[in-house]
């Protein structure tokens, strides 16, 4: 399994939450190879997402399109893909 780890700055936290729930989560959860995803807000100023896929290819395909989905509510800081070493 491979995961995408996304970091964003929340420019408009309420708009970012709505965009996440209405657009991002439904789209990502339908992507081929999707396993699970977690999105976390930190102090209402930052956001982190960890999205797990069955393969590196599936993770990289979704990661390549993440910046294209960015709205005015967030500033994309980083998108990284890595192998899942362990989970519980």
N, C-alpha and C. Protein backbone atom coordinates (compact mmCIF):
# COMPACT_ATOMS: atom_id res chain seq x y z
N UNK A 1 0.84 -1.18 0.00
CA UNK A 1 0.00 0.00 0.00
C UNK A 1 0.88 1.24 0.00
N UNK A 2 0.34 2.30 -0.57
CA UNK A 2 1.02 3.60 -0.61
C UNK A 2 0.04 4.68 -0.16
N UNK A 3 0.58 5.75 0.40
CA UNK A 3 -0.27 6.83 0.89
C UNK A 3 0.18 8.17 0.32
N UNK A 4 -0.78 9.04 0.15
CA UNK A 4 -0.52 10.44 -0.17
C UNK A 4 -0.65 11.20 1.13
N UNK A 5 0.33 12.06 1.42
CA UNK A 5 0.25 12.93 2.59
C UNK A 5 0.22 14.36 2.06
N UNK A 6 -0.87 15.06 2.37
CA UNK A 6 -1.09 16.42 1.85
C UNK A 6 -1.10 17.40 3.02
N UNK A 7 -0.43 18.53 2.86
CA UNK A 7 -0.44 19.60 3.86
C UNK A 7 -0.97 20.87 3.19
N UNK A 8 -1.90 21.54 3.87
CA UNK A 8 -2.47 22.79 3.36
C UNK A 8 -2.54 23.83 4.47
N UNK A 9 -2.58 25.08 4.06
CA UNK A 9 -2.87 26.19 4.96
C UNK A 9 -4.34 26.53 4.73
N UNK A 10 -5.11 26.64 5.81
CA UNK A 10 -6.53 26.94 5.69
C UNK A 10 -6.72 28.45 5.65
N UNK A 11 -6.99 28.99 4.48
CA UNK A 11 -7.20 30.42 4.32
C UNK A 11 -8.61 30.82 4.74
N UNK A 12 -9.56 29.93 4.53
CA UNK A 12 -10.95 30.13 4.95
C UNK A 12 -11.42 28.77 5.47
N UNK A 13 -11.26 28.51 6.79
CA UNK A 13 -11.54 27.19 7.35
C UNK A 13 -12.95 26.67 7.06
N UNK A 14 -13.98 27.51 7.15
CA UNK A 14 -15.34 27.04 6.90
C UNK A 14 -15.53 26.64 5.44
N UNK A 15 -15.04 27.45 4.54
CA UNK A 15 -15.14 27.13 3.11
C UNK A 15 -14.31 25.89 2.79
N UNK A 16 -13.14 25.76 3.43
CA UNK A 16 -12.28 24.59 3.20
C UNK A 16 -12.99 23.31 3.64
N UNK A 17 -13.65 23.32 4.79
CA UNK A 17 -14.39 22.14 5.27
C UNK A 17 -15.50 21.75 4.30
N UNK A 18 -16.23 22.74 3.84
CA UNK A 18 -17.32 22.47 2.90
C UNK A 18 -16.77 21.88 1.60
N UNK A 19 -15.71 22.45 1.07
CA UNK A 19 -15.08 21.96 -0.16
C UNK A 19 -14.58 20.53 0.04
N UNK A 20 -13.97 20.27 1.19
CA UNK A 20 -13.47 18.93 1.50
C UNK A 20 -14.61 17.91 1.50
N UNK A 21 -15.67 18.22 2.24
CA UNK A 21 -16.78 17.26 2.40
C UNK A 21 -17.62 17.10 1.13
N UNK A 22 -17.79 18.18 0.38
CA UNK A 22 -18.66 18.14 -0.79
C UNK A 22 -17.95 17.73 -2.08
N UNK A 23 -16.67 18.03 -2.17
CA UNK A 23 -15.95 17.78 -3.42
C UNK A 23 -14.81 16.75 -3.29
N UNK A 24 -13.90 17.00 -2.36
CA UNK A 24 -12.68 16.18 -2.29
C UNK A 24 -12.96 14.76 -1.84
N UNK A 25 -13.62 14.58 -0.69
CA UNK A 25 -13.85 13.23 -0.15
C UNK A 25 -14.64 12.36 -1.13
N UNK A 26 -15.76 12.84 -1.69
CA UNK A 26 -16.47 11.98 -2.65
C UNK A 26 -15.62 11.61 -3.87
N UNK A 27 -14.84 12.56 -4.39
CA UNK A 27 -14.03 12.30 -5.56
C UNK A 27 -12.91 11.30 -5.25
N UNK A 28 -12.19 11.53 -4.18
CA UNK A 28 -11.06 10.66 -3.82
C UNK A 28 -11.54 9.26 -3.48
N UNK A 29 -12.64 9.15 -2.77
CA UNK A 29 -13.12 7.83 -2.36
C UNK A 29 -13.58 6.97 -3.54
N UNK A 30 -13.82 7.58 -4.69
CA UNK A 30 -14.19 6.85 -5.90
C UNK A 30 -13.00 6.50 -6.78
N UNK A 31 -11.81 6.99 -6.42
CA UNK A 31 -10.62 6.75 -7.23
C UNK A 31 -10.23 5.27 -7.20
N UNK A 32 -9.76 4.73 -8.31
CA UNK A 32 -9.32 3.34 -8.34
C UNK A 32 -8.23 3.07 -7.30
N UNK A 33 -8.38 1.99 -6.56
CA UNK A 33 -7.38 1.60 -5.58
C UNK A 33 -7.51 2.26 -4.23
N UNK A 34 -8.51 3.14 -4.04
CA UNK A 34 -8.69 3.83 -2.76
C UNK A 34 -8.94 2.81 -1.65
N UNK A 35 -8.26 3.01 -0.51
CA UNK A 35 -8.45 2.16 0.68
C UNK A 35 -9.12 2.94 1.80
N UNK A 36 -8.53 4.08 2.17
CA UNK A 36 -9.06 4.89 3.28
C UNK A 36 -8.43 6.27 3.25
N UNK A 37 -9.09 7.22 3.91
CA UNK A 37 -8.54 8.56 3.99
C UNK A 37 -8.89 9.22 5.30
N UNK A 38 -7.98 10.05 5.78
CA UNK A 38 -8.18 10.83 7.01
C UNK A 38 -7.76 12.26 6.72
N UNK A 39 -8.60 13.21 7.11
CA UNK A 39 -8.31 14.62 6.94
C UNK A 39 -8.44 15.28 8.30
N UNK A 40 -7.43 16.04 8.68
CA UNK A 40 -7.34 16.60 10.03
C UNK A 40 -7.09 18.10 9.94
N UNK A 41 -7.82 18.89 10.75
CA UNK A 41 -7.51 20.31 10.86
C UNK A 41 -6.71 20.54 12.14
N UNK A 42 -5.76 21.44 12.06
CA UNK A 42 -4.87 21.74 13.19
C UNK A 42 -5.02 23.22 13.52
N UNK A 43 -5.53 23.50 14.71
CA UNK A 43 -5.70 24.87 15.19
C UNK A 43 -6.48 25.76 14.22
N UNK A 44 -7.35 25.16 13.42
CA UNK A 44 -8.17 25.91 12.47
C UNK A 44 -7.33 26.72 11.48
N UNK A 45 -6.04 26.37 11.36
CA UNK A 45 -5.16 27.13 10.49
C UNK A 45 -4.44 26.25 9.46
N UNK A 46 -4.31 24.95 9.77
CA UNK A 46 -3.61 24.02 8.89
C UNK A 46 -4.46 22.79 8.69
N UNK A 47 -4.20 22.08 7.61
CA UNK A 47 -4.88 20.83 7.36
C UNK A 47 -3.90 19.79 6.87
N UNK A 48 -4.16 18.54 7.23
CA UNK A 48 -3.34 17.43 6.78
C UNK A 48 -4.28 16.34 6.30
N UNK A 49 -3.90 15.69 5.23
CA UNK A 49 -4.66 14.56 4.74
C UNK A 49 -3.73 13.39 4.51
N UNK A 50 -4.18 12.21 4.88
CA UNK A 50 -3.47 10.98 4.59
C UNK A 50 -4.45 10.07 3.88
N UNK A 51 -4.13 9.72 2.65
CA UNK A 51 -5.04 8.96 1.81
C UNK A 51 -4.30 7.72 1.33
N UNK A 52 -4.84 6.55 1.64
CA UNK A 52 -4.17 5.29 1.37
C UNK A 52 -4.77 4.62 0.14
N UNK A 53 -3.87 4.07 -0.69
CA UNK A 53 -4.25 3.36 -1.91
C UNK A 53 -3.59 1.99 -1.95
N UNK A 54 -4.16 1.10 -2.74
CA UNK A 54 -3.64 -0.26 -2.86
C UNK A 54 -2.27 -0.31 -3.50
N UNK A 55 -1.96 0.65 -4.37
CA UNK A 55 -0.68 0.60 -5.10
C UNK A 55 -0.05 1.99 -5.20
N UNK A 56 1.25 1.98 -5.49
CA UNK A 56 1.96 3.24 -5.71
C UNK A 56 1.41 3.95 -6.94
N UNK A 57 1.12 3.20 -7.98
CA UNK A 57 0.59 3.79 -9.22
C UNK A 57 -0.72 4.54 -8.96
N UNK A 58 -1.62 3.92 -8.20
CA UNK A 58 -2.91 4.57 -7.90
C UNK A 58 -2.69 5.83 -7.07
N UNK A 59 -1.81 5.77 -6.09
CA UNK A 59 -1.52 6.93 -5.24
C UNK A 59 -0.93 8.07 -6.06
N UNK A 60 0.03 7.75 -6.92
CA UNK A 60 0.68 8.79 -7.72
C UNK A 60 -0.28 9.42 -8.73
N UNK A 61 -1.18 8.63 -9.25
CA UNK A 61 -2.16 9.18 -10.21
C UNK A 61 -3.05 10.22 -9.54
N UNK A 62 -3.53 9.92 -8.34
CA UNK A 62 -4.36 10.88 -7.61
C UNK A 62 -3.52 12.08 -7.16
N UNK A 63 -2.32 11.82 -6.66
CA UNK A 63 -1.45 12.91 -6.19
C UNK A 63 -1.17 13.92 -7.30
N UNK A 64 -1.03 13.44 -8.52
CA UNK A 64 -0.74 14.33 -9.65
C UNK A 64 -1.86 15.33 -9.90
N UNK A 65 -3.08 15.00 -9.51
CA UNK A 65 -4.21 15.89 -9.75
C UNK A 65 -4.61 16.74 -8.57
N UNK A 66 -3.93 16.60 -7.44
CA UNK A 66 -4.36 17.31 -6.23
C UNK A 66 -4.27 18.82 -6.38
N UNK A 67 -3.23 19.36 -6.90
CA UNK A 67 -3.10 20.81 -7.05
C UNK A 67 -4.15 21.39 -7.96
N UNK A 68 -4.65 20.59 -8.90
CA UNK A 68 -5.67 21.06 -9.84
C UNK A 68 -7.01 21.25 -9.15
N UNK A 69 -7.21 20.65 -7.97
CA UNK A 69 -8.49 20.74 -7.26
C UNK A 69 -8.50 21.86 -6.22
N UNK A 70 -7.39 22.53 -6.07
CA UNK A 70 -7.24 23.55 -5.03
C UNK A 70 -8.23 24.69 -5.23
N UNK A 71 -8.89 25.09 -4.16
CA UNK A 71 -9.82 26.22 -4.21
C UNK A 71 -9.23 27.42 -3.50
N UNK A 72 -9.99 28.48 -3.40
CA UNK A 72 -9.53 29.69 -2.73
C UNK A 72 -9.45 29.52 -1.22
N UNK A 73 -10.04 28.47 -0.69
CA UNK A 73 -10.11 28.28 0.76
C UNK A 73 -8.83 27.73 1.35
N UNK A 74 -7.96 27.17 0.51
CA UNK A 74 -6.71 26.58 1.01
C UNK A 74 -5.54 26.97 0.13
N UNK A 75 -4.35 26.92 0.74
CA UNK A 75 -3.11 27.06 0.00
C UNK A 75 -2.37 25.74 0.14
N UNK A 76 -2.11 25.09 -0.96
CA UNK A 76 -1.42 23.81 -0.96
C UNK A 76 0.04 24.02 -0.57
N UNK A 77 0.49 23.30 0.46
CA UNK A 77 1.88 23.42 0.90
C UNK A 77 2.74 22.26 0.43
N UNK A 78 2.21 21.02 0.47
CA UNK A 78 2.99 19.88 -0.01
C UNK A 78 2.09 18.69 -0.30
N UNK A 79 2.56 17.87 -1.24
CA UNK A 79 1.92 16.60 -1.59
C UNK A 79 3.05 15.59 -1.72
N UNK A 80 3.00 14.54 -0.90
CA UNK A 80 4.05 13.53 -0.94
C UNK A 80 3.42 12.14 -1.01
N UNK A 81 4.09 11.23 -1.68
CA UNK A 81 3.64 9.84 -1.77
C UNK A 81 4.70 8.96 -1.14
N UNK A 82 4.27 8.03 -0.28
CA UNK A 82 5.20 7.13 0.35
C UNK A 82 4.57 5.77 0.61
N UNK A 83 5.44 4.80 0.84
CA UNK A 83 4.97 3.45 1.13
C UNK A 83 4.50 3.35 2.57
N UNK A 84 3.38 2.67 2.76
CA UNK A 84 2.87 2.43 4.11
C UNK A 84 3.71 1.33 4.72
N UNK A 85 4.42 1.64 5.78
CA UNK A 85 5.31 0.68 6.44
C UNK A 85 4.59 -0.15 7.50
N UNK A 86 3.59 0.42 8.14
CA UNK A 86 2.85 -0.30 9.18
C UNK A 86 1.52 0.41 9.41
N UNK A 87 0.56 -0.34 9.94
CA UNK A 87 -0.72 0.26 10.33
C UNK A 87 -1.32 -0.58 11.43
N UNK A 88 -2.26 0.00 12.15
CA UNK A 88 -2.89 -0.74 13.25
C UNK A 88 -4.40 -0.57 13.19
